Amino acid sequence: MRSAEGRGRTLDEAVDAALIELGESRRNVDVRVISEGPEETLVEVVVIDQAPAPAGAASPANGKAEAARALVEGLLKHMGVRAQVTVRTGTDPITLDISGRDLGGLIGWRGETLRALQSVTNVMLGKNLAEGERVIVDVERYRQRREHTVREIALRAARQVKMTGDAITLDAMQAFERRAIHLALQDDPDVGSSSIGEEPDRRVVVGPRKPAST
């Protein structure tokens, strides 16, 4: 059974750190909190060995996805936004795609409005979600485009660090953007990344990778 420890200033960040190492999603793991304090949280994340569902069995995820889709559709109508909401197939966690015309305002500056919509969606779904489970809300594949952009930022920062030997602190980013930075640099033998600060001003520092202790 595969497992990994994760550290972070919050529970979510500690779990995300372990998930990155394991290459798994939250739906496929169990989380055990080892210690939790004001400065650092330490967790153990264990991958669950899942048996395949019987043929013809209904998937609970399908019901959750439809509930989430209907909820977001209702929120958009309340906001006066004309758009279509669909469930992205083959994704884990559940991902909702919003499509339509002139949706830039729904994304907001660096995705802040979209981030708020996603937070409201997860809060309102409440008990329909398992512990640690979240629904992702995307507008016109904004997250995919943004992840590509921040990966390029990570690679440019890594090149500069290699030339100068000095660490670089990037602008404040959302959690999925920071995760994209960490993933882009995780296999670089010379440059590493870490997160500092607190939300919403949490930032990634790209710097020379420390040699492994012997």
Foldseek 3Di string as FASTA:
>chain_A
DDKDKAKDQDPLRRVLRRCLVVVDAPVQWDKDWPDHDNGMTMIMIGGHDDDDDPPPDDDLLVVVLVVLQVVLVVVCVVVVHDWHWDWDPPDPPTEIETEDPPCPVCQPDQRPNQVVSQVVSQVVCPPSDDVPGGYHYYYPCPLVVLLVVLLVVLVVQQVVCVVPQDKDKDWFHDPSSVSSSQSSCVPPQFKHWDWDDDPPGIIIIIGTDDDDDD
